[in-house]
Amino acid sequence: MTMPVSSKLPAGGKRILALDAARGIAIIAMISYHFMWDLYFTGFWDVNAARDPLLRFYAKAIAASFLTIAGISLYLAQERGIRWPSFLKRLAIIAIAALAVSVGSWFAFPQSFIFFGILHCIAVSSVVALPFLRAPLALVFAAAAAAFALPLFIASPALETWPTWWLGLGEWPPASNDYVPLFPWVGFVLVGVGVARLLVPMRDTVAQWQPRTWLGRGLIAAGRYSLIIYLTHQIVLLGILIGLAQILRPL
């Protein structure tokens, strides 16, 4: 979970620290959800985070926040014209990270590996959103609404196959530990693009925000290194909990 483009202002090259902090909050929330999932997986808790309605909503809210921030960041980085070298570089980084997640989860959970999770969705959605960076604003939000509605009107068992599962248009989701298909989730990226365009007059004010506490600085650091945190946090959490499970043997 991280952004495929930077949070820099195109004009001044200055990072928007408030956006980094928002991403930091999202990454900490994601870690908290995964920790609860890990507690159930290792036998320390009897609540299955993947099935509990409230925790499922929490997970979806976290994914929505990351994708919305991705849309905001995409617009800020490419506002004055698509800078293809930087865009393609960031896209490649996210794609490689997504592939690493798929390969790693295949070895850890072969029956429910992550073949199209949050990183995959951010990468593909960023490409899909490019034409909307300068489209009429009404069209941006109309496209977002269409993305949200599409799975409600187009859902077919014929699309429940490996070549099409990434679209999210089947009647039932596949078994995967992190399934974030293009539809409806690309809608949040488009919403982020639209929100960024609406808030352009406030951008300079937001960009002036500076953290005054260790908490604010910590959130900024977490948001700035969210990709590294995403790729490594489960290794740490599961490693600790599995080790404790071997010692304590929870029921």
Protein backbone atom coordinates (compact mmCIF):
# COMPACT_ATOMS: atom_id res chain seq x y z
CA MET A 1 0.00 0.00 0.00
CA THR A 2 1.73 3.04 -1.27
CA MET A 3 1.54 5.64 -3.95
CA PRO A 4 2.65 5.06 -7.54
CA VAL A 5 3.55 8.72 -7.84
CA SER A 6 5.13 11.17 -5.42
CA SER A 7 3.38 13.67 -3.15
CA LYS A 8 5.38 16.59 -4.51
CA LEU A 9 4.08 19.91 -5.72
CA PRO A 10 4.91 20.13 -9.43
CA ALA A 11 5.76 23.81 -9.19
CA GLY A 12 8.10 23.87 -6.24
CA GLY A 13 9.17 20.28 -5.81
CA LYS A 14 8.16 20.46 -2.16
CA ARG A 15 6.46 17.47 -0.56
CA ILE A 16 3.01 17.98 0.87
CA LEU A 17 3.65 16.75 4.38
CA ALA A 18 -0.07 16.60 5.21
CA LEU A 19 -0.51 14.05 2.42
CA ASP A 20 2.41 12.01 3.75
CA ALA A 21 0.81 12.11 7.20
CA ALA A 22 -2.54 10.96 5.79
CA ARG A 23 -0.78 8.05 4.10
CA GLY A 24 0.99 7.34 7.40
CA ILE A 25 -2.34 7.06 9.20
CA ALA A 26 -3.55 4.65 6.52
CA ILE A 27 -0.45 2.45 6.76
CA ILE A 28 -0.73 2.25 10.56
CA ALA A 29 -4.41 1.33 10.24
CA MET A 30 -3.45 -1.37 7.74
CA ILE A 31 -0.86 -2.79 10.15
CA SER A 32 -3.46 -2.89 12.92
CA TYR A 33 -5.85 -4.85 10.70
CA HIS A 34 -3.17 -7.29 9.61
CA PHE A 35 -2.14 -7.74 13.26
CA MET A 36 -5.68 -8.81 14.11
CA TRP A 37 -5.68 -11.17 11.13
CA ASP A 38 -2.37 -12.60 12.28
CA LEU A 39 -3.66 -13.12 15.83
CA TYR A 40 -6.44 -15.32 14.49
CA PHE A 41 -4.13 -17.13 12.08
CA THR A 42 -1.69 -18.01 14.86
CA GLY A 43 -4.42 -18.99 17.35
CA PHE A 44 -4.14 -16.08 19.79
CA TRP A 45 -7.63 -14.70 19.01
CA ASP A 46 -10.89 -16.36 18.07
CA VAL A 47 -12.17 -13.54 15.84
CA ASN A 48 -11.55 -14.08 12.13
CA ALA A 49 -10.75 -10.62 10.82
CA ALA A 50 -11.42 -11.76 7.25
CA ARG A 51 -15.02 -12.70 8.12
CA ASP A 52 -16.03 -10.34 10.92
CA PRO A 53 -18.37 -7.70 9.36
CA LEU A 54 -16.95 -4.75 11.29
CA LEU A 55 -13.34 -5.67 10.59
CA ARG A 56 -14.12 -6.35 6.93
CA PHE A 57 -15.55 -2.82 6.71
CA TYR A 58 -12.42 -1.51 8.44
CA ALA A 59 -10.23 -3.25 5.84
CA LYS A 60 -12.27 -1.85 2.96
CA ALA A 61 -12.08 1.67 4.44
CA ILE A 62 -8.29 1.37 4.65
CA ALA A 63 -8.06 0.25 1.01
CA ALA A 64 -10.35 3.08 -0.05
CA SER A 65 -8.17 5.64 1.76
CA PHE A 66 -5.00 4.40 0.06
CA LEU A 67 -6.58 4.50 -3.39
CA THR A 68 -8.05 7.96 -2.84
CA ILE A 69 -4.64 9.25 -1.71
CA ALA A 70 -3.14 7.60 -4.79
CA GLY A 71 -5.51 9.60 -6.99
CA ILE A 72 -4.68 12.84 -5.21
CA SER A 73 -0.95 12.17 -5.52
CA LEU A 74 -1.30 11.24 -9.17
CA TYR A 75 -2.91 14.56 -10.01
CA LEU A 76 -0.41 16.60 -7.99
CA ALA A 77 2.55 14.92 -9.67
CA GLN A 78 1.19 15.13 -13.22
CA GLU A 79 -0.89 18.32 -13.03
CA ARG A 80 1.14 20.28 -15.59
CA GLY A 81 1.46 17.42 -18.03
CA ILE A 82 2.37 13.79 -17.70
CA ARG A 83 6.05 13.45 -16.88
CA TRP A 84 6.52 10.06 -18.48
CA PRO A 85 10.00 9.19 -17.14
CA SER A 86 9.04 9.73 -13.49
CA PHE A 87 5.57 8.22 -13.95
CA LEU A 88 6.91 5.06 -15.61
CA LYS A 89 9.66 4.72 -13.00
CA ARG A 90 7.18 4.86 -10.14
CA LEU A 91 4.81 2.55 -11.98
CA ALA A 92 7.60 0.02 -12.47
CA ILE A 93 8.47 0.16 -8.76
CA ILE A 94 4.87 -0.54 -7.78
CA ALA A 95 4.54 -3.30 -10.38
CA ILE A 96 7.71 -5.02 -9.16
CA ALA A 97 6.55 -4.72 -5.55
CA ALA A 98 3.16 -6.17 -6.52
CA LEU A 99 4.89 -9.09 -8.22
CA ALA A 100 7.01 -9.66 -5.12
CA VAL A 101 3.85 -9.79 -3.00
CA SER A 102 2.28 -12.31 -5.38
CA VAL A 103 5.33 -14.55 -5.37
CA GLY A 104 5.82 -14.33 -1.61
CA SER A 105 2.17 -15.01 -0.83
CA TRP A 106 2.18 -17.94 -3.26
CA PHE A 107 4.82 -19.68 -1.18
CA ALA A 108 3.18 -18.72 2.13
CA PHE A 109 -0.49 -19.25 1.19
CA PRO A 110 -0.70 -21.13 -2.14
CA GLN A 111 -4.46 -21.65 -1.87
CA SER A 112 -5.20 -17.95 -1.28
CA PHE A 113 -2.20 -16.06 -2.63
CA ILE A 114 -2.46 -12.39 -3.57
CA PHE A 115 -2.74 -12.20 -7.34
CA PHE A 116 -4.45 -8.79 -7.50
CA GLY A 117 -4.18 -6.87 -4.26
CA ILE A 118 -3.85 -3.22 -3.30
CA LEU A 119 -0.52 -2.66 -5.08
CA HIS A 120 -1.75 -4.30 -8.28
CA CYS A 121 -4.88 -2.14 -8.17
CA ILE A 122 -2.94 1.08 -7.56
CA ALA A 123 -0.65 0.36 -10.52
CA VAL A 124 -3.44 -0.44 -13.00
CA SER A 125 -5.77 2.28 -11.70
CA SER A 126 -3.04 4.91 -12.09
CA VAL A 127 -2.83 4.10 -15.80
CA VAL A 128 -6.61 4.07 -16.17
CA ALA A 129 -6.87 7.45 -14.43
CA LEU A 130 -4.38 9.26 -16.68
CA PRO A 131 -6.96 10.43 -19.27
CA PHE A 132 -9.04 11.94 -16.46
CA LEU A 133 -6.34 14.28 -15.18
CA ARG A 134 -7.52 16.97 -17.56
CA ALA A 135 -10.98 15.72 -18.47
CA PRO A 136 -14.01 17.82 -17.45
CA LEU A 137 -14.46 17.51 -13.70
CA ALA A 138 -18.04 16.29 -14.09
CA LEU A 139 -16.77 13.47 -16.30
CA VAL A 140 -14.22 12.46 -13.64
CA PHE A 141 -16.88 12.01 -10.97
CA ALA A 142 -19.27 10.39 -13.45
CA ALA A 143 -16.58 7.84 -14.31
CA ALA A 144 -16.01 7.20 -10.60
CA ALA A 145 -19.73 6.63 -10.09
CA ALA A 146 -19.78 4.26 -13.07
CA ALA A 147 -16.86 2.31 -11.62
CA PHE A 148 -18.68 1.91 -8.31
CA ALA A 149 -21.90 0.85 -10.01
CA LEU A 150 -20.50 -1.48 -12.66
CA PRO A 151 -20.14 -4.59 -10.44
CA LEU A 152 -23.78 -4.16 -9.37
CA PHE A 153 -25.04 -4.36 -12.94
CA ILE A 154 -22.44 -6.58 -14.59
CA ALA A 155 -21.73 -9.71 -12.58
CA SER A 156 -21.30 -12.97 -14.41
CA PRO A 157 -19.90 -16.41 -13.54
CA ALA A 158 -18.25 -16.30 -16.98
CA LEU A 159 -15.89 -13.64 -15.57
CA GLU A 160 -14.79 -15.82 -12.67
CA THR A 161 -11.66 -17.04 -14.41
CA TRP A 162 -7.97 -16.22 -14.01
CA PRO A 163 -7.82 -13.96 -17.10
CA THR A 164 -10.75 -11.83 -15.87
CA TRP A 165 -10.86 -12.09 -12.07
CA TRP A 166 -8.78 -8.90 -11.77
CA LEU A 167 -11.73 -6.94 -13.18
CA GLY A 168 -13.95 -7.74 -10.18
CA LEU A 169 -17.01 -8.46 -12.28
CA GLY A 170 -17.69 -12.04 -11.22
CA GLU A 171 -20.58 -13.01 -8.96
CA TRP A 172 -18.25 -14.35 -6.25
CA PRO A 173 -14.74 -13.23 -5.29
CA PRO A 174 -11.84 -15.69 -5.56
CA ALA A 175 -9.99 -17.04 -2.55
CA SER A 176 -7.27 -14.47 -1.90
CA ASN A 177 -5.81 -12.86 1.20
CA ASP A 178 -5.95 -9.43 -0.44
CA TYR A 179 -8.35 -9.04 -3.36
CA VAL A 180 -8.75 -5.45 -4.62
CA PRO A 181 -10.04 -5.72 -8.20
CA LEU A 182 -10.19 -2.87 -10.68
CA PHE A 183 -13.94 -2.46 -10.24
CA PRO A 184 -15.21 -0.89 -8.10
CA TRP A 185 -11.90 0.21 -6.54
CA VAL A 186 -10.62 2.35 -9.44
CA GLY A 187 -13.52 4.62 -8.52
CA PHE A 188 -11.65 5.77 -5.41
CA VAL A 189 -8.59 6.73 -7.47
CA LEU A 190 -10.85 8.80 -9.73
CA VAL A 191 -12.46 10.39 -6.68
CA GLY A 192 -8.97 11.30 -5.49
CA VAL A 193 -8.20 12.93 -8.83
CA GLY A 194 -11.44 14.91 -8.64
CA VAL A 195 -10.90 15.97 -5.03
CA ALA A 196 -7.34 17.12 -5.81
CA ARG A 197 -8.65 19.27 -8.63
CA LEU A 198 -11.37 20.76 -6.45
CA LEU A 199 -8.87 21.60 -3.70
CA VAL A 200 -6.27 23.27 -5.94
CA PRO A 201 -7.12 26.74 -4.50
CA MET A 202 -6.31 25.41 -1.01
CA ARG A 203 -3.12 23.62 -2.01
CA ASP A 204 -0.66 26.30 -0.90
CA THR A 205 -2.33 26.50 2.52
CA VAL A 206 -2.21 22.72 2.96
CA ALA A 207 1.40 22.61 1.77
CA GLN A 208 2.44 25.00 4.55
CA TRP A 209 1.47 22.55 7.30
CA GLN A 210 4.41 21.42 9.41
CA PRO A 211 4.37 18.80 12.18
CA ARG A 212 4.90 20.14 15.68
CA THR A 213 5.02 16.87 17.60
CA TRP A 214 6.83 13.55 17.39
CA LEU A 215 3.51 11.96 16.41
CA GLY A 216 3.18 14.16 13.34
CA ARG A 217 6.78 13.52 12.31
CA GLY A 218 6.26 9.80 12.82
CA LEU A 219 3.18 9.77 10.62
CA ILE A 220 5.05 11.60 7.88
CA ALA A 221 7.91 9.10 8.02
CA ALA A 222 5.47 6.17 7.92
CA GLY A 223 3.70 7.65 4.92
CA ARG A 224 6.91 8.43 3.08
CA TYR A 225 8.20 4.86 3.48
CA SER A 226 4.83 3.14 3.22
CA LEU A 227 5.93 0.79 0.43
CA ILE A 228 8.84 -0.58 2.45
CA ILE A 229 6.60 -0.92 5.50
CA TYR A 230 3.96 -2.72 3.47
CA LEU A 231 6.45 -5.19 2.05
CA THR A 232 8.08 -6.03 5.37
CA HIS A 233 5.57 -5.63 8.19
CA GLN A 234 3.87 -9.02 7.78
CA ILE A 235 7.20 -10.80 7.82
CA VAL A 236 7.93 -9.17 11.18
CA LEU A 237 4.45 -9.63 12.68
CA LEU A 238 3.97 -13.22 11.59
CA GLY A 239 7.55 -14.10 12.53
CA ILE A 240 7.01 -12.84 16.09
CA LEU A 241 3.56 -14.39 16.53
CA ILE A 242 4.49 -17.75 15.05
CA GLY A 243 7.52 -17.84 17.34
CA LEU A 244 5.35 -17.02 20.37
CA ALA A 245 2.81 -19.63 19.29
CA GLN A 246 5.50 -22.29 19.34
CA ILE A 247 6.39 -21.31 22.88
CA LEU A 248 2.99 -20.56 24.39
CA ARG A 249 0.87 -23.03 22.35
CA PRO A 250 -2.37 -20.99 22.37
CA LEU A 251 -5.67 -22.85 22.30
